[in-house]
């Protein structure tokens, strides 16, 4: 009899916890059926820019415009419709956001022509006043142009980084249905990194352009997979 009572008590507690978790998910306005950690760290000349969060506290806004509970700081990767390309967005534009850890407002967009589990030559675009001011302070009229080797301009590596993808993640279900009533089930995150030196452009006294102003940069991410 005591064993039966103990068993029923445990079962009751389990159902109670399950109910509480479901209520919590419903009450916070999120439209997903699971939670997922995500984060990125971009370090530029020793200054750390970091976002870290979990989808239970809000989904990074990105391309989900209709959700009521979102956070502006982004860390997600999407599939470009009709193409093999994947677009990764790492963005800080709200230092008051719950997923903000440190750093300045900036945005890094990384385009992978064909995302693979290896070194990927990815096109990188930096945005934001922080990046503009930093690059211009080091290289006046830089035009946000850089490459990974010093010397003359090399089109094949211009604004490209060899990003090492260590985990392709797993599929997220219903990622393209933005209605808050449609559950979004997150798969595992896409993980990758880069660490090295990029070189900003400089105009020589003779009027030639060379790339020889070094900037130390590292990028590490665990991005929500929106496809």
Protein backbone atom coordinates (compact mmCIF):
# COMPACT_ATOMS: atom_id res chain seq x y z
CA UNK A 1 0.00 0.00 0.00
CA UNK A 2 2.81 2.39 0.89
CA UNK A 3 4.58 1.57 -2.40
CA UNK A 4 1.38 2.27 -4.35
CA UNK A 5 0.91 5.60 -2.60
CA UNK A 6 4.54 6.56 -3.30
CA UNK A 7 4.17 5.65 -6.98
CA UNK A 8 1.00 7.73 -7.36
CA UNK A 9 2.66 10.68 -5.62
CA UNK A 10 5.63 10.59 -8.03
CA UNK A 11 3.36 10.33 -11.07
CA UNK A 12 1.29 13.26 -9.78
CA UNK A 13 4.42 15.38 -9.36
CA UNK A 14 5.65 14.54 -12.85
CA UNK A 15 2.36 15.55 -14.44
CA UNK A 16 2.35 18.72 -12.36
CA UNK A 17 5.83 19.68 -13.58
CA UNK A 18 4.89 18.92 -17.17
CA UNK A 19 1.80 21.11 -16.88
CA UNK A 20 3.82 23.96 -15.35
CA UNK A 21 6.36 23.80 -18.19
CA UNK A 22 3.64 23.90 -20.84
CA UNK A 23 1.95 26.85 -19.17
CA UNK A 24 5.24 28.70 -18.96
CA UNK A 25 5.85 28.19 -22.68
CA UNK A 26 2.36 29.36 -23.57
CA UNK A 27 2.36 32.41 -21.31
CA UNK A 28 5.59 33.94 -22.55
CA UNK A 29 4.24 34.47 -26.05
CA UNK A 30 6.72 32.20 -27.83
CA UNK A 31 5.68 30.03 -30.73
CA UNK A 32 7.88 26.95 -30.36
CA UNK A 33 7.65 23.50 -28.88
CA UNK A 34 11.17 23.22 -27.46
CA UNK A 35 14.03 25.41 -26.27
CA UNK A 36 17.48 25.88 -27.72
CA UNK A 37 20.65 27.66 -26.56
CA UNK A 38 22.44 29.93 -29.02
CA UNK A 39 25.38 32.32 -28.85
CA UNK A 40 28.12 34.10 -30.76
CA UNK A 41 31.35 35.84 -29.89
CA UNK A 42 33.13 38.24 -32.22
CA UNK A 43 36.48 39.53 -30.96
CA UNK A 44 38.13 42.38 -32.86
CA UNK A 45 41.57 43.55 -31.70
CA UNK A 46 40.82 42.17 -28.25
CA UNK A 47 37.37 43.74 -27.82
CA UNK A 48 34.71 41.10 -27.20
CA UNK A 49 31.21 41.38 -28.68
CA UNK A 50 28.97 38.64 -27.37
CA UNK A 51 25.36 37.46 -27.43
CA UNK A 52 24.12 34.42 -25.54
CA UNK A 53 20.57 33.25 -24.89
CA UNK A 54 17.89 30.60 -25.00
CA UNK A 55 14.72 30.63 -27.07
CA UNK A 56 12.57 30.32 -23.93
CA UNK A 57 13.42 33.97 -23.19
CA UNK A 58 12.47 35.13 -26.67
CA UNK A 59 13.40 34.32 -30.22
CA UNK A 60 15.95 36.54 -32.00
CA UNK A 61 13.78 38.61 -34.32
CA UNK A 62 15.55 37.99 -37.62
CA UNK A 63 12.96 37.15 -40.23
CA UNK A 64 10.17 36.20 -37.82
CA UNK A 65 8.30 39.48 -37.95
CA UNK A 66 4.97 38.32 -36.52
CA UNK A 67 6.11 36.90 -33.19
CA UNK A 68 5.26 39.06 -30.20
CA UNK A 69 8.09 37.83 -27.98
CA UNK A 70 11.34 38.46 -29.80
CA UNK A 71 14.77 39.89 -29.05
CA UNK A 72 16.49 42.20 -31.51
CA UNK A 73 20.00 40.78 -31.09
CA UNK A 74 20.30 38.02 -33.69
CA UNK A 75 22.11 34.72 -34.04
CA UNK A 76 20.45 32.66 -36.74
CA UNK A 77 21.14 31.03 -40.09
CA UNK A 78 18.59 30.80 -42.88
CA UNK A 79 18.37 29.02 -46.21
CA UNK A 80 17.99 31.34 -49.21
CA UNK A 81 14.92 30.10 -51.15
CA UNK A 82 15.72 28.38 -54.43
CA UNK A 83 19.48 28.45 -53.82
CA UNK A 84 22.14 26.42 -52.05
CA UNK A 85 23.30 29.53 -50.17
CA UNK A 86 22.91 29.90 -46.41
CA UNK A 87 22.96 33.31 -44.70
CA UNK A 88 24.21 33.62 -41.13
CA UNK A 89 23.40 36.82 -39.21
CA UNK A 90 25.26 37.77 -36.04
CA UNK A 91 23.96 41.08 -34.76
CA UNK A 92 23.98 43.34 -31.70
CA UNK A 93 21.60 46.26 -31.90
CA UNK A 94 20.06 46.27 -28.42
CA UNK A 95 22.42 46.38 -25.44
CA UNK A 96 19.39 46.15 -23.13
CA UNK A 97 18.32 42.79 -24.59
CA UNK A 98 18.36 39.79 -22.25
CA UNK A 99 20.76 37.96 -24.60
CA UNK A 100 23.29 40.81 -24.72
CA UNK A 101 26.56 40.04 -22.91
CA UNK A 102 29.15 42.59 -24.07
CA UNK A 103 30.44 44.76 -26.88
CA UNK A 104 29.26 47.38 -29.36
CA UNK A 105 26.43 47.57 -31.87
CA UNK A 106 27.52 45.69 -34.96
CA UNK A 107 26.27 43.25 -37.57
CA UNK A 108 28.12 40.49 -39.33
CA UNK A 109 26.47 38.75 -42.29
CA UNK A 110 28.16 35.59 -43.50
CA UNK A 111 27.09 33.98 -46.78
CA UNK A 112 27.98 30.34 -47.39
CA UNK A 113 27.70 29.34 -51.09
CA UNK A 114 27.28 25.68 -50.13
CA UNK A 115 27.46 24.99 -46.40
CA UNK A 116 29.61 21.94 -45.68
CA UNK A 117 31.14 20.23 -42.66
CA UNK A 118 34.62 21.59 -43.32
CA UNK A 119 36.43 24.84 -44.09
CA UNK A 120 34.03 27.06 -46.04
CA UNK A 121 35.17 30.14 -47.97
CA UNK A 122 32.41 32.51 -46.87
CA UNK A 123 31.64 36.07 -47.93
CA UNK A 124 31.60 38.42 -44.92
CA UNK A 125 29.93 41.82 -44.70
CA UNK A 126 30.33 44.00 -41.61
CA UNK A 127 27.84 46.74 -40.76
CA UNK A 128 27.35 49.34 -38.05
CA UNK A 129 28.98 52.56 -36.89
CA UNK A 130 31.38 50.68 -34.60
CA UNK A 131 32.92 48.77 -37.51
CA UNK A 132 32.93 51.82 -39.79
CA UNK A 133 34.63 54.01 -37.20
CA UNK A 134 37.17 51.33 -36.25
CA UNK A 135 38.18 50.49 -39.81
CA UNK A 136 38.31 54.16 -40.84
CA UNK A 137 40.46 55.01 -37.81
CA UNK A 138 42.97 52.36 -38.87
CA UNK A 139 42.61 52.82 -42.60
CA UNK A 140 41.08 56.13 -43.81
CA UNK A 141 38.69 55.64 -46.72
CA UNK A 142 38.89 51.90 -46.14
CA UNK A 143 35.52 51.25 -47.85
CA UNK A 144 35.08 48.19 -45.61
CA UNK A 145 37.52 46.33 -47.85
CA UNK A 146 39.92 43.74 -46.50
CA UNK A 147 41.51 40.37 -47.20
CA UNK A 148 43.27 37.57 -45.31
CA UNK A 149 46.75 38.05 -46.82
CA UNK A 150 48.88 41.17 -46.94
CA UNK A 151 49.98 42.65 -50.24
CA UNK A 152 48.19 43.58 -53.43
CA UNK A 153 44.46 43.22 -53.94
CA UNK A 154 43.37 39.61 -54.48
CA UNK A 155 39.78 39.28 -55.71
CA UNK A 156 39.56 35.56 -54.84
CA UNK A 157 39.93 36.26 -51.10
CA UNK A 158 38.53 39.80 -50.87
CA UNK A 159 36.13 40.06 -47.90
CA UNK A 160 36.17 36.28 -47.46
CA UNK A 161 37.05 34.17 -44.45
CA UNK A 162 37.73 30.43 -44.18
CA UNK A 163 35.02 29.54 -41.65
CA UNK A 164 35.41 26.12 -40.05
CA UNK A 165 32.00 24.46 -39.68
CA UNK A 166 32.14 21.90 -36.87
CA UNK A 167 28.43 20.98 -36.70
CA UNK A 168 25.73 21.37 -39.37
CA UNK A 169 22.97 21.10 -36.76
CA UNK A 170 19.64 19.41 -37.44
CA UNK A 171 16.46 20.48 -39.21
CA UNK A 172 14.03 22.86 -37.53
CA UNK A 173 10.38 22.15 -38.31
CA UNK A 174 7.90 24.78 -39.54
CA UNK A 175 10.61 27.47 -39.76
CA UNK A 176 8.90 29.30 -42.62
CA UNK A 177 5.48 29.58 -41.02
CA UNK A 178 5.68 32.81 -39.09
CA UNK A 179 2.26 32.69 -37.43
CA UNK A 180 2.53 32.79 -33.61
CA UNK A 181 0.00 29.94 -33.51
CA UNK A 182 2.27 27.62 -35.51
CA UNK A 183 4.71 25.76 -33.24
CA UNK A 184 8.35 26.09 -34.23
CA UNK A 185 10.48 23.12 -33.21
CA UNK A 186 14.17 24.02 -33.18
CA UNK A 187 16.81 21.57 -34.33
CA UNK A 188 20.39 21.58 -33.08
CA UNK A 189 22.43 24.70 -33.80
CA UNK A 190 24.94 25.24 -36.60
CA UNK A 191 28.42 25.65 -35.08
CA UNK A 192 31.54 27.19 -36.55
CA UNK A 193 34.52 29.46 -35.97
CA UNK A 194 37.38 31.44 -37.41
CA UNK A 195 40.43 33.04 -35.82
CA UNK A 196 43.18 34.94 -37.60
CA UNK A 197 44.32 38.22 -39.13
CA UNK A 198 42.67 40.32 -41.80
CA UNK A 199 44.38 43.21 -43.58
CA UNK A 200 42.74 46.54 -44.34
CA UNK A 201 43.51 48.50 -47.49
CA UNK A 202 45.92 51.44 -47.55
CA UNK A 203 46.63 53.99 -50.23
CA UNK A 204 50.38 54.41 -50.71
CA UNK A 205 52.08 57.74 -51.35
CA UNK A 206 52.43 56.72 -55.00
CA UNK A 207 48.67 56.22 -55.29
CA UNK A 208 48.71 52.43 -55.28
CA UNK A 209 46.50 50.29 -53.05
CA UNK A 210 47.96 47.68 -50.77
CA UNK A 211 46.54 45.59 -47.94
CA UNK A 212 48.92 45.71 -44.99
CA UNK A 213 47.05 47.06 -41.93
CA UNK A 214 46.47 44.05 -39.64
CA UNK A 215 43.34 43.48 -37.56
CA UNK A 216 43.04 40.47 -35.27
CA UNK A 217 39.61 38.90 -35.47
CA UNK A 218 37.88 35.78 -34.23
CA UNK A 219 34.31 34.58 -34.74
CA UNK A 220 32.65 31.73 -32.89
CA UNK A 221 28.96 30.86 -33.14
CA UNK A 222 26.22 28.41 -32.27
CA UNK A 223 23.42 29.71 -34.49
CA UNK A 224 19.74 28.85 -34.52
CA UNK A 225 18.97 26.88 -37.65
CA UNK A 226 15.90 28.40 -39.32
CA UNK A 227 15.50 25.73 -41.95
